[in-house]
Amino acid sequence: MSAASYAQDHIHLPSVHIRRQNGDGFDYEEDLYINGRGRRRRVERFVRLVVIQDGERTLVRETFDELCQEEIARFQADLPVLMDEENPANAPIMQERARNEFARQIRVARGEERACARCGCSETRSCSGGCIWATQALCSRCI
């Protein structure tokens, strides 16, 4: 990313709010926190998913990870589209991210998919750059 992109230490990607006619659905938020510059640059991603049923929050899941250099490069290419809320290409990209995370978190909540007790990575979404199960409840990045 350019130096101008890193002038801010926080990027909040456009939120996604998906609802059925009865009001049930979910909210998806993704935030990136950038620390340092050059070789010392770190980008941490926080994802928050809130499931709404009968007007109540029934599930709130928050996960975090640190982006690897390859993912930072991919993110750099996608950022202009993701941040341009007027761009018609933005909504489908963010909705796909949200729907994938929603499906993953439902599997985790039902016990169908194991997730790290600390960062929230799982069998279908490892930490950026990869991780393995170090213990029954923690990935290799969290021990």
Foldseek 3Di string as FASTA:
>chain_A
DDPVVPPDQKDKFDKDFDADPQGWDKIKTKMWGWDDDDPPIKIKIKIWMFTADPNDTPDIDIAMAIADPVVVVVCVVCVVLRRPPVDPVNVVVNVVVRVVVVVVVVCVVVVNWAAAPPGGATPVGAHHVGWDCPDSRHTPVPD
